[in-house]
Amino acid sequence: MRRSFITSGVIAVLALTAFTPVQEPKEILLWPKDAPGSDGKTGAEKIRVAETGDHVVSNIHHPSITPYLPAKPSGVALIIAPGGGHRELWIDHEGYNPAAWLREKGIAAFVLKYRLAREENSTYTIEKDELADIKRAIRLVRSRAKEWKIDTARIGVMGFSAGGELAALAAMHFDKGDQSAVDIIDRENSHPAFQALIYPGGTDKFEVTKNSPPLFLVGGYNDRTDIAEGIAKVYLKYKQAGVSAELHIYANAGHGFGMRKNNHTAVADWPQRLVDWLEDESFLKK
């Protein structure tokens, strides 16, 4: 009964929220001028609509965040990186939908549009440009934490598929910021307090140290082997390093389930499991 109740709640929130770009909160550029490494590229973003109705974004040269700020903030914030194989961003079910749902739970969510390293003719790389984008997003949110009623000790990252790989990189390669920087945002540290990785790619590259942020992992049994087995291996790495981690693998799920209105099996409840975990880890008050 509990699962059915929660699933109904998730579906209800999705049904009440329209996910077309014109109705989204206004996005904020990570850099007011050109992003470092964009080399003056000015081409407009491309948006296609998939057969599923999802909006899919590509040709991103001006990375941004779209804020979903709750009416009753809990102090917790999440930067959300949608997936798309580093070639495009499936920005509805892996971005706007979970952001809107989290906002209803009192969690500030920021949907990240990052540059794409594997798009045709791209000059960007994952480890340099994409990582720079998510780190800048963390710094930007931290710089406006007081305005947005966010606790700087409770800012985390969440990513789906390729975005999960990017979120994991942010949790591995953070820094204290440059205190001598002219740009005050660059003075902020990029350390995420926690990480939520939803069917992440690139798990063979994941590293863990004693100061790695706590980890929440979700995937599907029917996903491709490198992900379905890879996330289990990542969990074991964290367990062996003594860093808190929680793993959910859903038996009847594959890849790319994200957060959709037509998710009706147990996997539809994964967002609530995330909230439960945030409460158990004392990031979110029960």
C-alpha atoms as a PDB file:
ATOM      1  CA  MET A   1       0.000   0.000   0.000  1.00  0.00           C
ATOM      2  CA  ARG A   2       2.817   2.387   0.799  1.00  0.00           C
ATOM      3  CA  ARG A   3       4.344   1.989  -2.651  1.00  0.00           C
ATOM      4  CA  SER A   4       1.029   2.581  -4.412  1.00  0.00           C
ATOM      5  CA  PHE A   5       0.419   5.697  -2.337  1.00  0.00           C
ATOM      6  CA  ILE A   6       3.824   7.156  -3.086  1.00  0.00           C
ATOM      7  CA  THR A   7       3.604   6.314  -6.776  1.00  0.00           C
ATOM      8  CA  SER A   8       0.233   8.046  -6.976  1.00  0.00           C
ATOM      9  CA  GLY A   9       1.740  11.095  -5.306  1.00  0.00           C
ATOM     10  CA  VAL A  10       4.582  11.258  -7.815  1.00  0.00           C
ATOM     11  CA  ILE A  11       2.183  10.912 -10.739  1.00  0.00           C
ATOM     12  CA  ALA A  12      -0.109  13.590  -9.293  1.00  0.00           C
ATOM     13  CA  VAL A  13       2.728  16.109  -9.052  1.00  0.00           C
ATOM     14  CA  LEU A  14       3.810  15.328 -12.617  1.00  0.00           C
ATOM     15  CA  ALA A  15       0.261  15.638 -13.886  1.00  0.00           C
ATOM     16  CA  LEU A  16      -0.121  19.071 -12.320  1.00  0.00           C
ATOM     17  CA  THR A  17       3.106  20.403 -13.800  1.00  0.00           C
ATOM     18  CA  ALA A  18       3.593  21.348 -17.456  1.00  0.00           C
ATOM     19  CA  PHE A  19       7.096  20.688 -18.719  1.00  0.00           C
ATOM     20  CA  THR A  20       7.230  22.758 -21.879  1.00  0.00           C
ATOM     21  CA  PRO A  21      10.226  25.140 -21.955  1.00  0.00           C
ATOM     22  CA  VAL A  22       8.070  28.311 -22.196  1.00  0.00           C
ATOM     23  CA  GLN A  23       6.622  27.555 -18.769  1.00  0.00           C
ATOM     24  CA  GLU A  24       9.905  26.879 -17.003  1.00  0.00           C
ATOM     25  CA  PRO A  25      11.503  29.346 -14.584  1.00  0.00           C
ATOM     26  CA  LYS A  26      13.995  31.666 -16.243  1.00  0.00           C
ATOM     27  CA  GLU A  27      17.431  30.155 -16.719  1.00  0.00           C
ATOM     28  CA  ILE A  28      20.572  31.867 -15.458  1.00  0.00           C
ATOM     29  CA  LEU A  29      23.806  31.824 -17.465  1.00  0.00           C
ATOM     30  CA  LEU A  30      26.740  30.367 -15.556  1.00  0.00           C
ATOM     31  CA  TRP A  31      29.006  33.012 -17.038  1.00  0.00           C
ATOM     32  CA  PRO A  32      27.523  36.402 -18.054  1.00  0.00           C
ATOM     33  CA  LYS A  33      29.747  36.422 -21.146  1.00  0.00           C
ATOM     34  CA  ASP A  34      31.386  33.537 -22.997  1.00  0.00           C
ATOM     35  CA  ALA A  35      32.131  30.413 -20.984  1.00  0.00           C
ATOM     36  CA  PRO A  36      35.846  29.584 -20.761  1.00  0.00           C
ATOM     37  CA  GLY A  37      36.676  27.300 -23.671  1.00  0.00           C
ATOM     38  CA  SER A  38      33.660  28.242 -25.777  1.00  0.00           C
ATOM     39  CA  ASP A  39      35.886  30.365 -28.054  1.00  0.00           C
ATOM     40  CA  GLY A  40      33.150  32.796 -28.941  1.00  0.00           C
ATOM     41  CA  LYS A  41      30.742  30.182 -30.281  1.00  0.00           C
ATOM     42  CA  THR A  42      27.348  31.821 -30.746  1.00  0.00           C
ATOM     43  CA  GLY A  43      25.147  29.204 -32.443  1.00  0.00           C
ATOM     44  CA  ALA A  44      21.637  28.925 -31.036  1.00  0.00           C
ATOM     45  CA  GLU A  45      20.593  25.904 -29.004  1.00  0.00           C
ATOM     46  CA  LYS A  46      18.753  23.195 -30.900  1.00  0.00           C
ATOM     47  CA  ILE A  47      15.637  21.572 -29.469  1.00  0.00           C
ATOM     48  CA  ARG A  48      13.956  18.529 -30.929  1.00  0.00           C
ATOM     49  CA  VAL A  49      10.889  16.718 -29.636  1.00  0.00           C
ATOM     50  CA  ALA A  50      11.347  12.951 -29.341  1.00  0.00           C
ATOM     51  CA  GLU A  51       8.597  10.435 -30.094  1.00  0.00           C
ATOM     52  CA  THR A  52       8.023  10.220 -26.328  1.00  0.00           C
ATOM     53  CA  GLY A  53       7.274  13.949 -26.227  1.00  0.00           C
ATOM     54  CA  ASP A  54      10.545  14.742 -24.464  1.00  0.00           C
ATOM     55  CA  HIS A  55      12.398  17.946 -25.307  1.00  0.00           C
ATOM     56  CA  VAL A  56      15.975  17.154 -26.278  1.00  0.00           C
ATOM     57  CA  VAL A  57      18.528  19.988 -26.273  1.00  0.00           C
ATOM     58  CA  SER A  58      21.856  20.217 -28.093  1.00  0.00           C
ATOM     59  CA  ASN A  59      24.353  22.782 -29.464  1.00  0.00           C
ATOM     60  CA  ILE A  60      24.894  24.317 -26.021  1.00  0.00           C
ATOM     61  CA  HIS A  61      27.596  26.996 -25.905  1.00  0.00           C
ATOM     62  CA  HIS A  62      26.219  29.151 -23.085  1.00  0.00           C
ATOM     63  CA  PRO A  63      25.775  26.789 -20.098  1.00  0.00           C
ATOM     64  CA  SER A  64      23.105  27.704 -17.568  1.00  0.00           C
ATOM     65  CA  ILE A  65      21.006  26.633 -14.611  1.00  0.00           C
ATOM     66  CA  THR A  66      17.227  26.848 -14.345  1.00  0.00           C
ATOM     67  CA  PRO A  67      16.178  27.346 -10.699  1.00  0.00           C
ATOM     68  CA  TYR A  68      13.193  25.638  -9.086  1.00  0.00           C
ATOM     69  CA  LEU A  69      12.879  27.386  -5.736  1.00  0.00           C
ATOM     70  CA  PRO A  70      10.433  26.003  -3.132  1.00  0.00           C
ATOM     71  CA  ALA A  71       7.852  28.126  -1.353  1.00  0.00           C
ATOM     72  CA  LYS A  72       8.920  26.554   1.942  1.00  0.00           C
ATOM     73  CA  PRO A  73      12.669  25.931   1.613  1.00  0.00           C
ATOM     74  CA  SER A  74      14.323  23.191   3.635  1.00  0.00           C
ATOM     75  CA  GLY A  75      17.817  24.537   2.990  1.00  0.00           C
ATOM     76  CA  VAL A  76      18.711  21.577   0.760  1.00  0.00           C
ATOM     77  CA  ALA A  77      19.701  22.164  -2.877  1.00  0.00           C
ATOM     78  CA  LEU A  78      20.471  19.894  -5.836  1.00  0.00           C
ATOM     79  CA  ILE A  79      22.174  20.691  -9.131  1.00  0.00           C
ATOM     80  CA  ILE A  80      20.619  18.306 -11.684  1.00  0.00           C
ATOM     81  CA  ALA A  81      22.555  17.167 -14.763  1.00  0.00           C
ATOM     82  CA  PRO A  82      20.328  15.487 -17.398  1.00  0.00           C
ATOM     83  CA  GLY A  83      21.724  12.718 -19.570  1.00  0.00           C
ATOM     84  CA  GLY A  84      22.011  12.162 -23.302  1.00  0.00           C
ATOM     85  CA  GLY A  85      25.325  10.469 -23.993  1.00  0.00           C
ATOM     86  CA  HIS A  86      27.242  13.775 -23.870  1.00  0.00           C
ATOM     87  CA  ARG A  87      25.645  14.467 -27.284  1.00  0.00           C
ATOM     88  CA  GLU A  88      22.347  16.031 -26.163  1.00  0.00           C
ATOM     89  CA  LEU A  89      20.270  16.599 -23.027  1.00  0.00           C
ATOM     90  CA  TRP A  90      16.935  14.855 -22.359  1.00  0.00           C
ATOM     91  CA  ILE A  91      15.859  17.763 -20.261  1.00  0.00           C
ATOM     92  CA  ASP A  92      12.259  16.899 -19.292  1.00  0.00           C
ATOM     93  CA  HIS A  93      12.245  13.496 -17.571  1.00  0.00           C
ATOM     94  CA  GLU A  94      15.843  13.891 -16.405  1.00  0.00           C
ATOM     95  CA  GLY A  95      15.718  17.589 -15.559  1.00  0.00           C
ATOM     96  CA  TYR A  96      12.562  19.646 -15.277  1.00  0.00           C
ATOM     97  CA  ASN A  97      10.314  16.834 -14.007  1.00  0.00           C
ATOM     98  CA  PRO A  98      12.472  15.819 -11.026  1.00  0.00           C
ATOM     99  CA  ALA A  99      13.249  19.487 -10.318  1.00  0.00           C
ATOM    100  CA  ALA A 100       9.556  20.358 -10.075  1.00  0.00           C
ATOM    101  CA  TRP A 101       8.904  17.330  -7.858  1.00  0.00           C
ATOM    102  CA  LEU A 102      11.809  18.136  -5.534  1.00  0.00           C
ATOM    103  CA  ARG A 103      10.628  21.741  -5.264  1.00  0.00           C
ATOM    104  CA  GLU A 104       7.343  20.458  -3.815  1.00  0.00           C
ATOM    105  CA  LYS A 105       9.406  18.649  -1.157  1.00  0.00           C
ATOM    106  CA  GLY A 106      11.100  21.884  -0.112  1.00  0.00           C
ATOM    107  CA  ILE A 107      14.306  21.122  -2.001  1.00  0.00           C
ATOM    108  CA  ALA A 108      15.750  23.802  -4.275  1.00  0.00           C
ATOM    109  CA  ALA A 109      16.636  22.248  -7.637  1.00  0.00           C
ATOM    110  CA  PHE A 110      18.710  23.685 -10.464  1.00  0.00           C
ATOM    111  CA  VAL A 111      18.578  22.074 -13.908  1.00  0.00           C
ATOM    112  CA  LEU A 112      21.972  22.320 -15.561  1.00  0.00           C
ATOM    113  CA  LYS A 113      22.507  22.800 -19.282  1.00  0.00           C
ATOM    114  CA  TYR A 114      26.125  21.848 -19.859  1.00  0.00           C
ATOM    115  CA  ARG A 115      28.293  21.827 -22.964  1.00  0.00           C
ATOM    116  CA  LEU A 116      28.414  18.537 -24.844  1.00  0.00           C
ATOM    117  CA  ALA A 117      31.702  16.789 -25.485  1.00  0.00           C
ATOM    118  CA  ARG A 118      30.483  14.069 -27.851  1.00  0.00           C
ATOM    119  CA  GLU A 119      28.188  16.101 -30.056  1.00  0.00           C
ATOM    120  CA  GLU A 120      29.243  16.065 -33.708  1.00  0.00           C
ATOM    121  CA  ASN A 121      32.201  18.419 -34.330  1.00  0.00           C
ATOM    122  CA  SER A 122      32.356  19.379 -30.644  1.00  0.00           C
ATOM    123  CA  THR A 123      35.584  20.917 -29.365  1.00  0.00           C
ATOM    124  CA  TYR A 124      34.595  20.371 -25.716  1.00  0.00           C
ATOM    125  CA  THR A 125      35.742  17.601 -23.388  1.00  0.00           C
ATOM    126  CA  ILE A 126      34.034  15.930 -20.436  1.00  0.00           C
ATOM    127  CA  GLU A 127      36.916  16.342 -18.015  1.00  0.00           C
ATOM    128  CA  LYS A 128      37.540  20.009 -18.844  1.00  0.00           C
ATOM    129  CA  ASP A 129      34.493  21.855 -20.166  1.00  0.00           C
ATOM    130  CA  GLU A 130      31.585  19.768 -18.868  1.00  0.00           C
ATOM    131  CA  LEU A 131      33.239  19.466 -15.463  1.00  0.00           C
ATOM    132  CA  ALA A 132      33.889  23.218 -15.453  1.00  0.00           C
ATOM    133  CA  ASP A 133      30.168  23.797 -16.061  1.00  0.00           C
ATOM    134  CA  ILE A 134      28.908  21.711 -13.141  1.00  0.00           C
ATOM    135  CA  LYS A 135      31.570  23.086 -10.797  1.00  0.00           C
ATOM    136  CA  ARG A 136      30.594  26.612 -11.802  1.00  0.00           C
ATOM    137  CA  ALA A 137      26.939  25.736 -11.144  1.00  0.00           C
ATOM    138  CA  ILE A 138      27.819  24.628  -7.609  1.00  0.00           C
ATOM    139  CA  ARG A 139      29.777  27.842  -7.038  1.00  0.00           C
ATOM    140  CA  LEU A 140      26.939  29.987  -8.424  1.00  0.00           C
ATOM    141  CA  VAL A 141      24.336  28.367  -6.175  1.00  0.00           C
ATOM    142  CA  ARG A 142      26.658  28.698  -3.207  1.00  0.00           C
ATOM    143  CA  SER A 143      27.242  32.395  -3.992  1.00  0.00           C
ATOM    144  CA  ARG A 144      23.486  33.061  -3.879  1.00  0.00           C
ATOM    145  CA  ALA A 145      22.670  30.705  -1.023  1.00  0.00           C
ATOM    146  CA  LYS A 146      21.487  33.438   1.330  1.00  0.00           C
ATOM    147  CA  GLU A 147      19.166  34.912  -1.313  1.00  0.00           C
ATOM    148  CA  TRP A 148      17.731  31.484  -2.147  1.00  0.00           C
ATOM    149  CA  LYS A 149      17.556  30.310   1.504  1.00  0.00           C
ATOM    150  CA  ILE A 150      20.003  27.459   0.972  1.00  0.00           C
ATOM    151  CA  ASP A 151      22.363  25.963   3.534  1.00  0.00           C
ATOM    152  CA  THR A 152      25.820  25.897   1.910  1.00  0.00           C
ATOM    153  CA  ALA A 153      26.553  22.648   3.789  1.00  0.00           C
ATOM    154  CA  ARG A 154      23.601  20.946   2.049  1.00  0.00           C
ATOM    155  CA  ILE A 155      24.234  21.543  -1.661  1.00  0.00           C
ATOM    156  CA  GLY A 156      24.462  18.312  -3.642  1.00  0.00           C
ATOM    157  CA  VAL A 157      24.644  17.083  -7.222  1.00  0.00           C
ATOM    158  CA  MET A 158      22.368  14.671  -9.082  1.00  0.00           C
ATOM    159  CA  GLY A 159      22.840  13.285 -12.566  1.00  0.00           C
ATOM    160  CA  PHE A 160      21.214  10.846 -14.976  1.00  0.00           C
ATOM    161  CA  SER A 161      23.203   8.573 -17.318  1.00  0.00           C
ATOM    162  CA  ALA A 162      25.921  10.799 -18.851  1.00  0.00           C
ATOM    163  CA  GLY A 163      24.830  13.479 -16.380  1.00  0.00           C
ATOM    164  CA  GLY A 164      25.415  10.939 -13.611  1.00  0.00           C
ATOM    165  CA  GLU A 165      28.966  10.507 -14.837  1.00  0.00           C
ATOM    166  CA  LEU A 166      29.371  14.296 -14.749  1.00  0.00           C
ATOM    167  CA  ALA A 167      27.914  14.569 -11.243  1.00  0.00           C
ATOM    168  CA  ALA A 168      30.306  11.838 -10.088  1.00  0.00           C
ATOM    169  CA  LEU A 169      33.246  13.741 -11.568  1.00  0.00           C
ATOM    170  CA  ALA A 170      32.154  16.829  -9.639  1.00  0.00           C
ATOM    171  CA  ALA A 171      32.174  14.728  -6.466  1.00  0.00           C
ATOM    172  CA  MET A 172      35.684  13.507  -7.256  1.00  0.00           C
ATOM    173  CA  HIS A 173      37.337  16.717  -8.487  1.00  0.00           C
ATOM    174  CA  PHE A 174      36.187  19.557  -6.243  1.00  0.00           C
ATOM    175  CA  ASP A 175      38.310  22.470  -5.017  1.00  0.00           C
ATOM    176  CA  LYS A 176      38.280  25.296  -2.490  1.00  0.00           C
ATOM    177  CA  GLY A 177      37.919  28.095  -5.054  1.00  0.00           C
ATOM    178  CA  ASP A 178      40.344  30.854  -5.984  1.00  0.00           C
ATOM    179  CA  GLN A 179      40.333  33.487  -3.245  1.00  0.00           C
ATOM    180  CA  SER A 180      42.247  35.912  -5.490  1.00  0.00           C
ATOM    181  CA  ALA A 181      39.753  35.688  -8.366  1.00  0.00           C
ATOM    182  CA  VAL A 182      38.172  38.894  -9.670  1.00  0.00           C
ATOM    183  CA  ASP A 183      34.911  37.018 -10.250  1.00  0.00           C
ATOM    184  CA  ILE A 184      33.471  36.496  -6.762  1.00  0.00           C
ATOM    185  CA  ILE A 185      31.714  33.313  -7.882  1.00  0.00           C
ATOM    186  CA  ASP A 186      35.096  31.743  -8.607  1.00  0.00           C
ATOM    187  CA  ARG A 187      36.048  32.307  -4.972  1.00  0.00           C
ATOM    188  CA  GLU A 188      33.423  29.803  -3.825  1.00  0.00           C
ATOM    189  CA  ASN A 189      34.333  26.158  -3.300  1.00  0.00           C
ATOM    190  CA  SER A 190      32.862  23.488  -5.561  1.00  0.00           C
ATOM    191  CA  HIS A 191      32.510  20.721  -2.977  1.00  0.00           C
ATOM    192  CA  PRO A 192      29.147  18.897  -3.202  1.00  0.00           C
ATOM    193  CA  ALA A 193      27.814  17.747   0.166  1.00  0.00           C
ATOM    194  CA  PHE A 194      26.257  14.620  -1.374  1.00  0.00           C
ATOM    195  CA  GLN A 195      25.709  12.958  -4.732  1.00  0.00           C
ATOM    196  CA  ALA A 196      22.756  11.129  -6.300  1.00  0.00           C
ATOM    197  CA  LEU A 197      23.660   9.137  -9.412  1.00  0.00           C
ATOM    198  CA  ILE A 198      20.802   7.720 -11.465  1.00  0.00           C
ATOM    199  CA  TYR A 199      21.919   4.936 -13.876  1.00  0.00           C
ATOM    200  CA  PRO A 200      25.282   6.719 -14.371  1.00  0.00           C
ATOM    201  CA  GLY A 201      27.673   5.929 -17.193  1.00  0.00           C
ATOM    202  CA  GLY A 202      31.459   5.788 -16.929  1.00  0.00           C
ATOM    203  CA  THR A 203      31.424   3.916 -13.624  1.00  0.00           C
ATOM    204  CA  ASP A 204      34.774   2.257 -14.381  1.00  0.00           C
ATOM    205  CA  LYS A 205      36.379   5.687 -13.887  1.00  0.00           C
ATOM    206  CA  PHE A 206      34.794   6.402 -10.508  1.00  0.00           C
ATOM    207  CA  GLU A 207      37.196   6.824  -7.602  1.00  0.00           C
ATOM    208  CA  VAL A 208      36.487   7.077  -3.903  1.00  0.00           C
ATOM    209  CA  THR A 209      38.481   8.572  -1.039  1.00  0.00           C
ATOM    210  CA  LYS A 210      37.759   9.069   2.645  1.00  0.00           C
ATOM    211  CA  ASN A 211      36.433  12.584   1.931  1.00  0.00           C
ATOM    212  CA  SER A 212      34.141  11.587  -0.950  1.00  0.00           C
ATOM    213  CA  PRO A 213      30.552  12.842  -0.461  1.00  0.00           C
ATOM    214  CA  PRO A 214      27.879  10.319   0.595  1.00  0.00           C
ATOM    215  CA  LEU A 215      26.389   8.492  -2.368  1.00  0.00           C
ATOM    216  CA  PHE A 216      22.863   7.529  -3.466  1.00  0.00           C
ATOM    217  CA  LEU A 217      22.729   5.150  -6.460  1.00  0.00           C
ATOM    218  CA  VAL A 218      19.761   4.026  -8.569  1.00  0.00           C
ATOM    219  CA  GLY A 219      19.644   1.742 -11.584  1.00  0.00           C
ATOM    220  CA  GLY A 220      17.747  -0.978 -13.416  1.00  0.00           C
ATOM    221  CA  TYR A 221      18.494  -4.700 -13.595  1.00  0.00           C
ATOM    222  CA  ASN A 222      17.770  -4.636 -17.332  1.00  0.00           C
ATOM    223  CA  ASP A 223      20.162  -1.776 -18.086  1.00  0.00           C
ATOM    224  CA  ARG A 224      23.281  -2.518 -20.121  1.00  0.00           C
ATOM    225  CA  THR A 225      25.914  -4.503 -18.237  1.00  0.00           C
ATOM    226  CA  ASP A 226      28.438  -1.715 -17.645  1.00  0.00           C
ATOM    227  CA  ILE A 227      25.768   0.263 -15.762  1.00  0.00           C
ATOM    228  CA  ALA A 228      23.680  -2.462 -14.090  1.00  0.00           C
ATOM    229  CA  GLU A 229      26.827  -4.169 -12.758  1.00  0.00           C
ATOM    230  CA  GLY A 230      28.943  -1.021 -12.669  1.00  0.00           C
ATOM    231  CA  ILE A 231      26.830   0.718 -10.035  1.00  0.00           C
ATOM    232  CA  ALA A 232      27.054  -2.363  -7.819  1.00  0.00           C
ATOM    233  CA  LYS A 233      30.837  -2.219  -8.110  1.00  0.00           C
ATOM    234  CA  VAL A 234      30.804   1.492  -7.255  1.00  0.00           C
ATOM    235  CA  TYR A 235      28.712   0.755  -4.163  1.00  0.00           C
ATOM    236  CA  LEU A 236      31.285  -1.825  -3.050  1.00  0.00           C
ATOM    237  CA  LYS A 237      34.110   0.681  -3.557  1.00  0.00           C
ATOM    238  CA  TYR A 238      32.346   3.111  -1.238  1.00  0.00           C
ATOM    239  CA  LYS A 239      31.590   0.382   1.277  1.00  0.00           C
ATOM    240  CA  GLN A 240      35.228  -0.690   1.347  1.00  0.00           C
ATOM    241  CA  ALA A 241      36.380   2.931   1.741  1.00  0.00           C
ATOM    242  CA  GLY A 242      33.995   3.465   4.654  1.00  0.00           C
ATOM    243  CA  VAL A 243      31.998   6.181   2.868  1.00  0.00           C
ATOM    244  CA  SER A 244      28.199   6.097   3.283  1.00  0.00           C
ATOM    245  CA  ALA A 245      26.375   4.760   0.218  1.00  0.00           C
ATOM    246  CA  GLU A 246      22.913   3.454  -0.648  1.00  0.00           C
ATOM    247  CA  LEU A 247      22.077   1.379  -3.731  1.00  0.00           C
ATOM    248  CA  HIS A 248      18.719   0.595  -5.377  1.00  0.00           C
ATOM    249  CA  ILE A 249      18.525  -1.721  -8.391  1.00  0.00           C
ATOM    250  CA  TYR A 250      14.991  -2.211  -9.718  1.00  0.00           C
ATOM    251  CA  ALA A 251      14.262  -5.639 -11.201  1.00  0.00           C
ATOM    252  CA  ASN A 252      11.854  -4.484 -13.913  1.00  0.00           C
ATOM    253  CA  ALA A 253      13.676  -1.335 -15.060  1.00  0.00           C
ATOM    254  CA  GLY A 254      16.166  -0.654 -17.812  1.00  0.00           C
ATOM    255  CA  HIS A 255      17.895   2.569 -18.826  1.00  0.00           C
ATOM    256  CA  GLY A 256      16.488   6.067 -19.022  1.00  0.00           C
ATOM    257  CA  PHE A 257      13.401   5.733 -16.834  1.00  0.00           C
ATOM    258  CA  GLY A 258      14.024   9.114 -15.232  1.00  0.00           C
ATOM    259  CA  MET A 259      10.824  10.619 -13.886  1.00  0.00           C
ATOM    260  CA  ARG A 260       7.837  10.143 -16.153  1.00  0.00           C
ATOM    261  CA  LYS A 261       4.067  10.034 -15.743  1.00  0.00           C
ATOM    262  CA  ASN A 262       4.005   6.526 -17.243  1.00  0.00           C
ATOM    263  CA  ASN A 263       6.413   5.026 -14.688  1.00  0.00           C
ATOM    264  CA  HIS A 264       4.035   2.649 -12.886  1.00  0.00           C
ATOM    265  CA  THR A 265       6.245  -0.128 -11.493  1.00  0.00           C
ATOM    266  CA  ALA A 266       8.330   0.060  -8.316  1.00  0.00           C
ATOM    267  CA  VAL A 267      10.910   2.250 -10.097  1.00  0.00           C
ATOM    268  CA  ALA A 268       8.380   5.109 -10.003  1.00  0.00           C
ATOM    269  CA  ASP A 269       9.119   5.401  -6.282  1.00  0.00           C
ATOM    270  CA  TRP A 270      12.836   6.118  -6.580  1.00  0.00           C
ATOM    271  CA  PRO A 271      12.404   9.904  -5.995  1.00  0.00           C
ATOM    272  CA  GLN A 272      10.808   9.170  -2.624  1.00  0.00           C
ATOM    273  CA  ARG A 273      13.678   6.816  -1.809  1.00  0.00           C
ATOM    274  CA  LEU A 274      16.024   9.754  -2.460  1.00  0.00           C
ATOM    275  CA  VAL A 275      14.080  11.935  -0.028  1.00  0.00           C
ATOM    276  CA  ASP A 276      14.145   9.108   2.549  1.00  0.00           C
ATOM    277  CA  TRP A 277      17.909   8.847   2.129  1.00  0.00           C
ATOM    278  CA  LEU A 278      18.380  12.613   2.522  1.00  0.00           C
ATOM    279  CA  GLU A 279      16.424  12.367   5.772  1.00  0.00           C
ATOM    280  CA  ASP A 280      18.421   9.354   6.980  1.00  0.00           C
ATOM    281  CA  GLU A 281      21.671  11.203   6.224  1.00  0.00           C
ATOM    282  CA  SER A 282      20.367  14.264   8.134  1.00  0.00           C
ATOM    283  CA  PHE A 283      20.496  16.589   5.114  1.00  0.00           C
ATOM    284  CA  LEU A 284      16.705  16.902   5.207  1.00  0.00           C
ATOM    285  CA  LYS A 285      14.600  17.103   8.350  1.00  0.00           C
ATOM    286  CA  LYS A 286      11.991  14.373   8.791  1.00  0.00           C
END
